[in-house]
Amino acid sequence: MKTNKHEVIFVIVNSGYAEEVMDLARELGVRGGTILNARGVAKEEAAAFFGITIHAEKEILMMVVEKDLRDTVLSAVYKEMGMAKPAQGIAFSLPVSDVTGLVKTEDKN
């Protein structure tokens, strides 16, 4: 199904923090996500330049969200899980042109 109403948010954090990011995102209205295990690589000079320690083990959380949630989620992740925090998270979003399998939950009231 063609759409211009969704974006995918990617959040890359140190291993062990993706669930915390997902909990934060759920509080903001995100219904779910997918966690992938990954391994980060960076030159030592880059780490020294940014004043960070590079942890090789990473987790990537992918969440398909409605566009109206994107900025709220990205801002909260930056505030709670950003590079200055132990999670050392980075987050970015990309547009989604097609989506299938998402079901909008109906109000039961």
PDB file of N, CA and C in Angstrom:
ATOM      1  N   MET A   1       0.842  -1.163   0.000  1.00  0.00           N
ATOM      2  CA  MET A   1       0.000   0.000   0.000  1.00  0.00           C
ATOM      3  C   MET A   1       0.898   1.240   0.000  1.00  0.00           C
ATOM      4  N   LYS A   2       0.692   2.128  -0.949  1.00  0.00           N
ATOM      5  CA  LYS A   2       1.446   3.382  -1.010  1.00  0.00           C
ATOM      6  C   LYS A   2       1.061   4.256   0.169  1.00  0.00           C
ATOM      7  N   THR A   3       2.046   4.941   0.722  1.00  0.00           N
ATOM      8  CA  THR A   3       1.783   5.805   1.865  1.00  0.00           C
ATOM      9  C   THR A   3       2.780   6.944   1.894  1.00  0.00           C
ATOM     10  N   ASN A   4       2.393   8.029   2.443  1.00  0.00           N
ATOM     11  CA  ASN A   4       3.329   9.100   2.785  1.00  0.00           C
ATOM     12  C   ASN A   4       3.095   9.519   4.229  1.00  0.00           C
ATOM     13  N   LYS A   5       2.463   8.630   4.992  1.00  0.00           N
ATOM     14  CA  LYS A   5       2.092   8.916   6.375  1.00  0.00           C
ATOM     15  C   LYS A   5       3.018   8.272   7.399  1.00  0.00           C
ATOM     16  N   HIS A   6       4.010   7.504   6.945  1.00  0.00           N
ATOM     17  CA  HIS A   6       4.868   6.767   7.875  1.00  0.00           C
ATOM     18  C   HIS A   6       6.346   7.069   7.630  1.00  0.00           C
ATOM     19  N   GLU A   7       7.120   6.871   8.663  1.00  0.00           N
ATOM     20  CA  GLU A   7       8.580   6.946   8.606  1.00  0.00           C
ATOM     21  C   GLU A   7       9.122   5.765   9.405  1.00  0.00           C
ATOM     22  N   VAL A   8      10.339   5.374   9.098  1.00  0.00           N
ATOM     23  CA  VAL A   8      10.995   4.361   9.916  1.00  0.00           C
ATOM     24  C   VAL A   8      12.086   5.079  10.704  1.00  0.00           C
ATOM     25  N   ILE A   9      12.074   4.859  11.995  1.00  0.00           N
ATOM     26  CA  ILE A   9      13.098   5.427  12.873  1.00  0.00           C
ATOM     27  C   ILE A   9      14.077   4.322  13.219  1.00  0.00           C
ATOM     28  N   PHE A  10      15.354   4.609  13.041  1.00  0.00           N
ATOM     29  CA  PHE A  10      16.427   3.707  13.428  1.00  0.00           C
ATOM     30  C   PHE A  10      17.119   4.316  14.636  1.00  0.00           C
ATOM     31  N   VAL A  11      17.287   3.540  15.683  1.00  0.00           N
ATOM     32  CA  VAL A  11      18.018   3.986  16.869  1.00  0.00           C
ATOM     33  C   VAL A  11      19.128   2.971  17.109  1.00  0.00           C
ATOM     34  N   ILE A  12      20.365   3.452  17.109  1.00  0.00           N
ATOM     35  CA  ILE A  12      21.528   2.592  17.338  1.00  0.00           C
ATOM     36  C   ILE A  12      22.075   2.930  18.715  1.00  0.00           C
ATOM     37  N   VAL A  13      22.100   1.926  19.592  1.00  0.00           N
ATOM     38  CA  VAL A  13      22.546   2.119  20.973  1.00  0.00           C
ATOM     39  C   VAL A  13      23.519   1.017  21.366  1.00  0.00           C
ATOM     40  N   ASN A  14      24.236   1.261  22.452  1.00  0.00           N
ATOM     41  CA  ASN A  14      25.081   0.209  23.007  1.00  0.00           C
ATOM     42  C   ASN A  14      24.207  -0.974  23.416  1.00  0.00           C
ATOM     43  N   SER A  15      24.783  -2.145  23.351  1.00  0.00           N
ATOM     44  CA  SER A  15      24.066  -3.371  23.681  1.00  0.00           C
ATOM     45  C   SER A  15      23.433  -3.277  25.063  1.00  0.00           C
ATOM     46  N   GLY A  16      22.158  -3.686  25.139  1.00  0.00           N
ATOM     47  CA  GLY A  16      21.449  -3.691  26.401  1.00  0.00           C
ATOM     48  C   GLY A  16      20.512  -2.512  26.605  1.00  0.00           C
ATOM     49  N   TYR A  17      20.507  -1.549  25.688  1.00  0.00           N
ATOM     50  CA  TYR A  17      19.685  -0.353  25.865  1.00  0.00           C
ATOM     51  C   TYR A  17      18.471  -0.287  24.939  1.00  0.00           C
ATOM     52  N   ALA A  18      18.352  -1.152  23.963  1.00  0.00           N
ATOM     53  CA  ALA A  18      17.247  -1.059  22.999  1.00  0.00           C
ATOM     54  C   ALA A  18      15.884  -1.216  23.664  1.00  0.00           C
ATOM     55  N   GLU A  19      15.774  -2.076  24.648  1.00  0.00           N
ATOM     56  CA  GLU A  19      14.494  -2.251  25.348  1.00  0.00           C
ATOM     57  C   GLU A  19      14.086  -0.962  26.067  1.00  0.00           C
ATOM     58  N   GLU A  20      15.059  -0.259  26.645  1.00  0.00           N
ATOM     59  CA  GLU A  20      14.759   1.013  27.293  1.00  0.00           C
ATOM     60  C   GLU A  20      14.256   2.038  26.277  1.00  0.00           C
ATOM     61  N   VAL A  21      14.881   2.050  25.096  1.00  0.00           N
ATOM     62  CA  VAL A  21      14.424   2.950  24.041  1.00  0.00           C
ATOM     63  C   VAL A  21      13.002   2.580  23.633  1.00  0.00           C
ATOM     64  N   MET A  22      12.718   1.292  23.504  1.00  0.00           N
ATOM     65  CA  MET A  22      11.380   0.851  23.110  1.00  0.00           C
ATOM     66  C   MET A  22      10.363   1.237  24.173  1.00  0.00           C
ATOM     67  N   ASP A  23      10.709   1.092  25.445  1.00  0.00           N
ATOM     68  CA  ASP A  23       9.803   1.506  26.526  1.00  0.00           C
ATOM     69  C   ASP A  23       9.490   3.000  26.423  1.00  0.00           C
ATOM     70  N   LEU A  24      10.520   3.799  26.166  1.00  0.00           N
ATOM     71  CA  LEU A  24      10.340   5.235  25.995  1.00  0.00           C
ATOM     72  C   LEU A  24       9.425   5.528  24.807  1.00  0.00           C
ATOM     73  N   ALA A  25       9.668   4.860  23.699  1.00  0.00           N
ATOM     74  CA  ALA A  25       8.865   5.063  22.495  1.00  0.00           C
ATOM     75  C   ALA A  25       7.411   4.648  22.716  1.00  0.00           C
ATOM     76  N   ARG A  26       7.190   3.566  23.439  1.00  0.00           N
ATOM     77  CA  ARG A  26       5.816   3.135  23.740  1.00  0.00           C
ATOM     78  C   ARG A  26       5.062   4.191  24.538  1.00  0.00           C
ATOM     79  N   GLU A  27       5.749   4.817  25.483  1.00  0.00           N
ATOM     80  CA  GLU A  27       5.127   5.891  26.264  1.00  0.00           C
ATOM     81  C   GLU A  27       4.661   7.034  25.365  1.00  0.00           C
ATOM     82  N   LEU A  28       5.299   7.188  24.205  1.00  0.00           N
ATOM     83  CA  LEU A  28       4.978   8.274  23.277  1.00  0.00           C
ATOM     84  C   LEU A  28       3.980   7.853  22.202  1.00  0.00           C
ATOM     85  N   GLY A  29       3.560   6.577  22.228  1.00  0.00           N
ATOM     86  CA  GLY A  29       2.554   6.122  21.282  1.00  0.00           C
ATOM     87  C   GLY A  29       3.021   5.163  20.214  1.00  0.00           C
ATOM     88  N   VAL A  30       4.293   4.806  20.204  1.00  0.00           N
ATOM     89  CA  VAL A  30       4.792   3.823  19.236  1.00  0.00           C
ATOM     90  C   VAL A  30       4.328   2.445  19.689  1.00  0.00           C
ATOM     91  N   ARG A  31       3.816   1.649  18.762  1.00  0.00           N
ATOM     92  CA  ARG A  31       3.230   0.358  19.145  1.00  0.00           C
ATOM     93  C   ARG A  31       4.230  -0.787  19.185  1.00  0.00           C
ATOM     94  N   GLY A  32       5.336  -0.695  18.475  1.00  0.00           N
ATOM     95  CA  GLY A  32       6.290  -1.794  18.489  1.00  0.00           C
ATOM     96  C   GLY A  32       7.503  -1.493  17.648  1.00  0.00           C
ATOM     97  N   GLY A  33       8.429  -2.413  17.660  1.00  0.00           N
ATOM     98  CA  GLY A  33       9.659  -2.251  16.896  1.00  0.00           C
ATOM     99  C   GLY A  33      10.373  -3.577  16.763  1.00  0.00           C
ATOM    100  N   THR A  34      11.490  -3.544  16.093  1.00  0.00           N
ATOM    101  CA  THR A  34      12.314  -4.727  15.891  1.00  0.00           C
ATOM    102  C   THR A  34      13.740  -4.402  16.322  1.00  0.00           C
ATOM    103  N   ILE A  35      14.331  -5.286  17.134  1.00  0.00           N
ATOM    104  CA  ILE A  35      15.694  -5.092  17.617  1.00  0.00           C
ATOM    105  C   ILE A  35      16.621  -6.040  16.859  1.00  0.00           C
ATOM    106  N   LEU A  36      17.682  -5.472  16.317  1.00  0.00           N
ATOM    107  CA  LEU A  36      18.715  -6.248  15.631  1.00  0.00           C
ATOM    108  C   LEU A  36      20.018  -6.116  16.409  1.00  0.00           C
ATOM    109  N   ASN A  37      20.756  -7.199  16.531  1.00  0.00           N
ATOM    110  CA  ASN A  37      22.080  -7.141  17.133  1.00  0.00           C
ATOM    111  C   ASN A  37      23.072  -6.732  16.054  1.00  0.00           C
ATOM    112  N   ALA A  38      24.025  -5.888  16.442  1.00  0.00           N
ATOM    113  CA  ALA A  38      24.988  -5.373  15.472  1.00  0.00           C
ATOM    114  C   ALA A  38      26.336  -5.150  16.150  1.00  0.00           C
ATOM    115  N   ARG A  39      27.311  -4.831  15.337  1.00  0.00           N
ATOM    116  CA  ARG A  39      28.644  -4.527  15.856  1.00  0.00           C
ATOM    117  C   ARG A  39      29.112  -3.234  15.217  1.00  0.00           C
ATOM    118  N   GLY A  40      29.467  -2.258  16.041  1.00  0.00           N
ATOM    119  CA  GLY A  40      29.919  -0.970  15.546  1.00  0.00           C
ATOM    120  C   GLY A  40      31.405  -0.976  15.249  1.00  0.00           C
ATOM    121  N   VAL A  41      31.777  -0.169  14.280  1.00  0.00           N
ATOM    122  CA  VAL A  41      33.185   0.017  13.946  1.00  0.00           C
ATOM    123  C   VAL A  41      33.426   1.513  13.758  1.00  0.00           C
ATOM    124  N   ALA A  42      34.546   1.970  14.248  1.00  0.00           N
ATOM    125  CA  ALA A  42      34.924   3.376  14.079  1.00  0.00           C
ATOM    126  C   ALA A  42      36.426   3.488  14.245  1.00  0.00           C
ATOM    127  N   LYS A  43      36.984   4.490  13.601  1.00  0.00           N
ATOM    128  CA  LYS A  43      38.408   4.758  13.792  1.00  0.00           C
ATOM    129  C   LYS A  43      38.608   5.364  15.176  1.00  0.00           C
ATOM    130  N   GLU A  44      39.708   5.029  15.791  1.00  0.00           N
ATOM    131  CA  GLU A  44      39.994   5.562  17.123  1.00  0.00           C
ATOM    132  C   GLU A  44      40.064   7.075  17.109  1.00  0.00           C
ATOM    133  N   GLU A  45      40.534   7.656  15.979  1.00  0.00           N
ATOM    134  CA  GLU A  45      40.621   9.113  15.885  1.00  0.00           C
ATOM    135  C   GLU A  45      39.235   9.747  15.977  1.00  0.00           C
ATOM    136  N   ALA A  46      38.236   9.087  15.379  1.00  0.00           N
ATOM    137  CA  ALA A  46      36.867   9.616  15.431  1.00  0.00           C
ATOM    138  C   ALA A  46      36.351   9.584  16.857  1.00  0.00           C
ATOM    139  N   ALA A  47      36.610   8.503  17.549  1.00  0.00           N
ATOM    140  CA  ALA A  47      36.163   8.396  18.937  1.00  0.00           C
ATOM    141  C   ALA A  47      36.828   9.463  19.787  1.00  0.00           C
ATOM    142  N   ALA A  48      38.125   9.684  19.586  1.00  0.00           N
ATOM    143  CA  ALA A  48      38.838  10.710  20.345  1.00  0.00           C
ATOM    144  C   ALA A  48      38.302  12.098  20.019  1.00  0.00           C
ATOM    145  N   PHE A  49      37.991  12.346  18.749  1.00  0.00           N
ATOM    146  CA  PHE A  49      37.467  13.645  18.327  1.00  0.00           C
ATOM    147  C   PHE A  49      36.144  13.951  19.018  1.00  0.00           C
ATOM    148  N   PHE A  50      35.262  12.949  19.079  1.00  0.00           N
ATOM    149  CA  PHE A  50      33.961  13.148  19.703  1.00  0.00           C
ATOM    150  C   PHE A  50      33.999  12.958  21.217  1.00  0.00           C
ATOM    151  N   GLY A  51      35.121  12.502  21.753  1.00  0.00           N
ATOM    152  CA  GLY A  51      35.255  12.330  23.193  1.00  0.00           C
ATOM    153  C   GLY A  51      34.416  11.196  23.743  1.00  0.00           C
ATOM    154  N   ILE A  52      34.287  10.110  22.973  1.00  0.00           N
ATOM    155  CA  ILE A  52      33.469   8.983  23.399  1.00  0.00           C
ATOM    156  C   ILE A  52      34.288   7.708  23.383  1.00  0.00           C
ATOM    157  N   THR A  53      33.779   6.714  24.072  1.00  0.00           N
ATOM    158  CA  THR A  53      34.354   5.376  24.025  1.00  0.00           C
ATOM    159  C   THR A  53      33.492   4.544  23.092  1.00  0.00           C
ATOM    160  N   ILE A  54      34.130   3.831  22.182  1.00  0.00           N
ATOM    161  CA  ILE A  54      33.381   3.009  21.233  1.00  0.00           C
ATOM    162  C   ILE A  54      33.164   1.623  21.831  1.00  0.00           C
ATOM    163  N   HIS A  55      31.900   1.234  21.956  1.00  0.00           N
ATOM    164  CA  HIS A  55      31.543  -0.112  22.381  1.00  0.00           C
ATOM    165  C   HIS A  55      31.183  -0.881  21.124  1.00  0.00           C
ATOM    166  N   ALA A  56      31.816  -2.001  20.908  1.00  0.00           N
ATOM    167  CA  ALA A  56      31.606  -2.740  19.666  1.00  0.00           C
ATOM    168  C   ALA A  56      30.207  -3.321  19.546  1.00  0.00           C
ATOM    169  N   GLU A  57      29.667  -3.842  20.639  1.00  0.00           N
ATOM    170  CA  GLU A  57      28.355  -4.483  20.580  1.00  0.00           C
ATOM    171  C   GLU A  57      27.249  -3.435  20.600  1.00  0.00           C
ATOM    172  N   LYS A  58      26.400  -3.471  19.592  1.00  0.00           N
ATOM    173  CA  LYS A  58      25.321  -2.497  19.436  1.00  0.00           C
ATOM    174  C   LYS A  58      23.985  -3.209  19.258  1.00  0.00           C
ATOM    175  N   GLU A  59      22.925  -2.452  19.428  1.00  0.00           N
ATOM    176  CA  GLU A  59      21.580  -2.902  19.090  1.00  0.00           C
ATOM    177  C   GLU A  59      20.961  -1.823  18.214  1.00  0.00           C
ATOM    178  N   ILE A  60      20.236  -2.256  17.201  1.00  0.00           N
ATOM    179  CA  ILE A  60      19.527  -1.336  16.323  1.00  0.00           C
ATOM    180  C   ILE A  60      18.041  -1.587  16.515  1.00  0.00           C
ATOM    181  N   LEU A  61      17.328  -0.551  16.887  1.00  0.00           N
ATOM    182  CA  LEU A  61      15.882  -0.633  17.039  1.00  0.00           C
ATOM    183  C   LEU A  61      15.254   0.069  15.840  1.00  0.00           C
ATOM    184  N   MET A  62      14.405  -0.658  15.121  1.00  0.00           N
ATOM    185  CA  MET A  62      13.683  -0.099  13.973  1.00  0.00           C
ATOM    186  C   MET A  62      12.212  -0.001  14.346  1.00  0.00           C
ATOM    187  N   MET A  63      11.627   1.172  14.114  1.00  0.00           N
ATOM    188  CA  MET A  63      10.221   1.390  14.437  1.00  0.00           C
ATOM    189  C   MET A  63       9.558   2.114  13.270  1.00  0.00           C
ATOM    190  N   VAL A  64       8.496   1.557  12.733  1.00  0.00           N
ATOM    191  CA  VAL A  64       7.706   2.254  11.729  1.00  0.00           C
ATOM    192  C   VAL A  64       6.664   3.060  12.488  1.00  0.00           C
ATOM    193  N   VAL A  65       6.693   4.372  12.289  1.00  0.00           N
ATOM    194  CA  VAL A  65       5.813   5.263  13.041  1.00  0.00           C
ATOM    195  C   VAL A  65       5.067   6.190  12.095  1.00  0.00           C
ATOM    196  N   GLU A  66       3.951   6.700  12.566  1.00  0.00           N
ATOM    197  CA  GLU A  66       3.258   7.730  11.814  1.00  0.00           C
ATOM    198  C   GLU A  66       4.092   9.004  11.885  1.00  0.00           C
ATOM    199  N   LYS A  67       4.089   9.769  10.794  1.00  0.00           N
ATOM    200  CA  LYS A  67       4.939  10.957  10.713  1.00  0.00           C
ATOM    201  C   LYS A  67       4.740  11.922  11.871  1.00  0.00           C
ATOM    202  N   ASP A  68       3.529  12.029  12.379  1.00  0.00           N
ATOM    203  CA  ASP A  68       3.285  12.997  13.451  1.00  0.00           C
ATOM    204  C   ASP A  68       3.980  12.614  14.761  1.00  0.00           C
ATOM    205  N   LEU A  69       4.453  11.374  14.889  1.00  0.00           N
ATOM    206  CA  LEU A  69       5.200  10.941  16.081  1.00  0.00           C
ATOM    207  C   LEU A  69       6.710  11.101  15.922  1.00  0.00           C
ATOM    208  N   ARG A  70       7.176  11.204  14.701  1.00  0.00           N
ATOM    209  CA  ARG A  70       8.616  11.165  14.417  1.00  0.00           C
ATOM    210  C   ARG A  70       9.424  12.145  15.258  1.00  0.00           C
ATOM    211  N   ASP A  71       9.101  13.429  15.196  1.00  0.00           N
ATOM    212  CA  ASP A  71       9.906  14.430  15.891  1.00  0.00           C
ATOM    213  C   ASP A  71       9.879  14.242  17.400  1.00  0.00           C
ATOM    214  N   THR A  72       8.734  13.860  17.937  1.00  0.00           N
ATOM    215  CA  THR A  72       8.611  13.627  19.378  1.00  0.00           C
ATOM    216  C   THR A  72       9.509  12.475  19.812  1.00  0.00           C
ATOM    217  N   VAL A  73       9.498  11.386  19.051  1.00  0.00           N
ATOM    218  CA  VAL A  73      10.315  10.214  19.385  1.00  0.00           C
ATOM    219  C   VAL A  73      11.798  10.537  19.249  1.00  0.00           C
ATOM    220  N   LEU A  74      12.187  11.162  18.136  1.00  0.00           N
ATOM    221  CA  LEU A  74      13.602  11.496  17.940  1.00  0.00           C
ATOM    222  C   LEU A  74      14.111  12.422  19.043  1.00  0.00           C
ATOM    223  N   SER A  75      13.321  13.401  19.423  1.00  0.00           N
ATOM    224  CA  SER A  75      13.720  14.326  20.474  1.00  0.00           C
ATOM    225  C   SER A  75      13.881  13.618  21.817  1.00  0.00           C
ATOM    226  N   ALA A  76      12.937  12.748  22.149  1.00  0.00           N
ATOM    227  CA  ALA A  76      13.005  12.021  23.422  1.00  0.00           C
ATOM    228  C   ALA A  76      14.205  11.074  23.456  1.00  0.00           C
ATOM    229  N   VAL A  77      14.468  10.397  22.346  1.00  0.00           N
ATOM    230  CA  VAL A  77      15.627   9.490  22.292  1.00  0.00           C
ATOM    231  C   VAL A  77      16.912  10.281  22.479  1.00  0.00           C
ATOM    232  N   TYR A  78      17.008  11.421  21.810  1.00  0.00           N
ATOM    233  CA  TYR A  78      18.206  12.248  21.950  1.00  0.00           C
ATOM    234  C   TYR A  78      18.389  12.689  23.407  1.00  0.00           C
ATOM    235  N   LYS A  79      17.300  13.115  24.029  1.00  0.00           N
ATOM    236  CA  LYS A  79      17.372  13.604  25.405  1.00  0.00           C
ATOM    237  C   LYS A  79      17.727  12.503  26.399  1.00  0.00           C
ATOM    238  N   GLU A  80      17.118  11.329  26.246  1.00  0.00           N
ATOM    239  CA  GLU A  80      17.273  10.255  27.229  1.00  0.00           C
ATOM    240  C   GLU A  80      18.381   9.248  26.909  1.00  0.00           C
ATOM    241  N   MET A  81      18.714   9.091  25.627  1.00  0.00           N
ATOM    242  CA  MET A  81      19.639   8.026  25.232  1.00  0.00           C
ATOM    243  C   MET A  81      20.765   8.512  24.315  1.00  0.00           C
ATOM    244  N   GLY A  82      20.975   9.811  24.235  1.00  0.00           N
ATOM    245  CA  GLY A  82      21.933  10.388  23.294  1.00  0.00           C
ATOM    246  C   GLY A  82      23.382  10.034  23.567  1.00  0.00           C
ATOM    247  N   MET A  83      24.261  10.602  22.753  1.00  0.00           N
ATOM    248  CA  MET A  83      25.690  10.286  22.823  1.00  0.00           C
ATOM    249  C   MET A  83      26.304  10.606  24.184  1.00  0.00           C
ATOM    250  N   ALA A  84      25.764  11.564  24.914  1.00  0.00           N
ATOM    251  CA  ALA A  84      26.312  11.922  26.221  1.00  0.00           C
ATOM    252  C   ALA A  84      25.833  10.985  27.325  1.00  0.00           C
ATOM    253  N   LYS A  85      24.953  10.066  27.005  1.00  0.00           N
ATOM    254  CA  LYS A  85      24.402   9.113  27.978  1.00  0.00           C
ATOM    255  C   LYS A  85      25.091   7.760  27.811  1.00  0.00           C
ATOM    256  N   PRO A  86      24.956   6.852  28.778  1.00  0.00           N
ATOM    257  CA  PRO A  86      25.592   5.531  28.658  1.00  0.00           C
ATOM    258  C   PRO A  86      25.159   4.741  27.415  1.00  0.00           C
ATOM    259  N   ALA A  87      23.947   4.956  26.941  1.00  0.00           N
ATOM    260  CA  ALA A  87      23.478   4.241  25.745  1.00  0.00           C
ATOM    261  C   ALA A  87      24.214   4.685  24.495  1.00  0.00           C
ATOM    262  N   GLN A  88      24.753   5.900  24.514  1.00  0.00           N
ATOM    263  CA  GLN A  88      25.450   6.497  23.372  1.00  0.00           C
ATOM    264  C   GLN A  88      24.653   6.329  22.087  1.00  0.00           C
ATOM    265  N   GLY A  89      23.380   6.671  22.151  1.00  0.00           N
ATOM    266  CA  GLY A  89      22.480   6.443  21.027  1.00  0.00           C
ATOM    267  C   GLY A  89      22.536   7.502  19.960  1.00  0.00           C
ATOM    268  N   ILE A  90      22.350   7.048  18.737  1.00  0.00           N
ATOM    269  CA  ILE A  90      22.097   7.940  17.624  1.00  0.00           C
ATOM    270  C   ILE A  90      20.796   7.475  16.991  1.00  0.00           C
ATOM    271  N   ALA A  91      20.058   8.418  16.449  1.00  0.00           N
ATOM    272  CA  ALA A  91      18.769   8.082  15.856  1.00  0.00           C
ATOM    273  C   ALA A  91      18.578   8.891  14.584  1.00  0.00           C
ATOM    274  N   PHE A  92      17.903   8.287  13.628  1.00  0.00           N
ATOM    275  CA  PHE A  92      17.571   8.976  12.395  1.00  0.00           C
ATOM    276  C   PHE A  92      16.326   8.338  11.812  1.00  0.00           C
ATOM    277  N   SER A  93      15.687   9.045  10.898  1.00  0.00           N
ATOM    278  CA  SER A  93      14.479   8.508  10.275  1.00  0.00           C
ATOM    279  C   SER A  93      14.603   8.585   8.767  1.00  0.00           C
ATOM    280  N   LEU A  94      13.857   7.726   8.117  1.00  0.00           N
ATOM    281  CA  LEU A  94      13.783   7.684   6.660  1.00  0.00           C
ATOM    282  C   LEU A  94      12.318   7.571   6.259  1.00  0.00           C
ATOM    283  N   PRO A  95      11.958   8.155   5.130  1.00  0.00           N
ATOM    284  CA  PRO A  95      10.569   8.039   4.685  1.00  0.00           C
ATOM    285  C   PRO A  95      10.238   6.617   4.261  1.00  0.00           C
ATOM    286  N   VAL A  96       8.981   6.251   4.426  1.00  0.00           N
ATOM    287  CA  VAL A  96       8.476   4.948   4.001  1.00  0.00           C
ATOM    288  C   VAL A  96       7.498   5.205   2.863  1.00  0.00           C
ATOM    289  N   SER A  97       7.756   4.588   1.709  1.00  0.00           N
ATOM    290  CA  SER A  97       6.871   4.814   0.562  1.00  0.00           C
ATOM    291  C   SER A  97       5.784   3.750   0.445  1.00  0.00           C
ATOM    292  N   ASP A  98       6.045   2.565   0.953  1.00  0.00           N
ATOM    293  CA  ASP A  98       5.065   1.480   0.931  1.00  0.00           C
ATOM    294  C   ASP A  98       5.071   0.791   2.285  1.00  0.00           C
ATOM    295  N   VAL A  99       3.890   0.373   2.721  1.00  0.00           N
ATOM    296  CA  VAL A  99       3.803  -0.359   3.984  1.00  0.00           C
ATOM    297  C   VAL A  99       2.632  -1.332   3.901  1.00  0.00           C
ATOM    298  N   THR A 100       2.829  -2.485   4.488  1.00  0.00           N
ATOM    299  CA  THR A 100       1.754  -3.457   4.592  1.00  0.00           C
ATOM    300  C   THR A 100       1.889  -4.156   5.940  1.00  0.00           C
ATOM    301  N   GLY A 101       0.789  -4.644   6.472  1.00  0.00           N
ATOM    302  CA  GLY A 101       0.835  -5.384   7.726  1.00  0.00           C
ATOM    303  C   GLY A 101       0.598  -4.552   8.963  1.00  0.00           C
ATOM    304  N   LEU A 102       0.501  -3.241   8.823  1.00  0.00           N
ATOM    305  CA  LEU A 102       0.204  -2.408   9.991  1.00  0.00           C
ATOM    306  C   LEU A 102      -1.296  -2.294  10.131  1.00  0.00           C
ATOM    307  N   VAL A 103      -1.764  -2.521  11.346  1.00  0.00           N
ATOM    308  CA  VAL A 103      -3.190  -2.425  11.610  1.00  0.00           C
ATOM    309  C   VAL A 103      -3.401  -1.324  12.637  1.00  0.00           C
ATOM    310  N   LYS A 104      -4.236  -0.382  12.309  1.00  0.00           N
ATOM    311  CA  LYS A 104      -4.543   0.707  13.249  1.00  0.00           C
ATOM    312  C   LYS A 104      -5.495   0.164  14.310  1.00  0.00           C
ATOM    313  N   THR A 105      -5.110   0.317  15.567  1.00  0.00           N
ATOM    314  CA  THR A 105      -5.979  -0.147  16.640  1.00  0.00           C
ATOM    315  C   THR A 105      -7.157   0.802  16.775  1.00  0.00           C
ATOM    316  N   GLU A 106      -8.319   0.249  16.987  1.00  0.00           N
ATOM    317  CA  GLU A 106      -9.528   1.032  17.122  1.00  0.00           C
ATOM    318  C   GLU A 106      -9.799   1.308  18.587  1.00  0.00           C
ATOM    319  N   ASP A 107     -10.361   2.470  18.852  1.00  0.00           N
ATOM    320  CA  ASP A 107     -10.760   2.767  20.231  1.00  0.00           C
ATOM    321  C   ASP A 107     -11.888   1.849  20.646  1.00  0.00           C
ATOM    322  N   LYS A 108     -11.786   1.263  21.804  1.00  0.00           N
ATOM    323  CA  LYS A 108     -12.799   0.343  22.321  1.00  0.00           C
ATOM    324  C   LYS A 108     -13.855   1.066  23.147  1.00  0.00           C
ATOM    325  N   ASN A 109     -13.721   2.392  23.294  1.00  0.00           N
ATOM    326  CA  ASN A 109     -14.661   3.159  24.126  1.00  0.00           C
ATOM    327  C   ASN A 109     -15.943   3.450  23.423  1.00  0.00           C
TER     328      ASN A 109
END
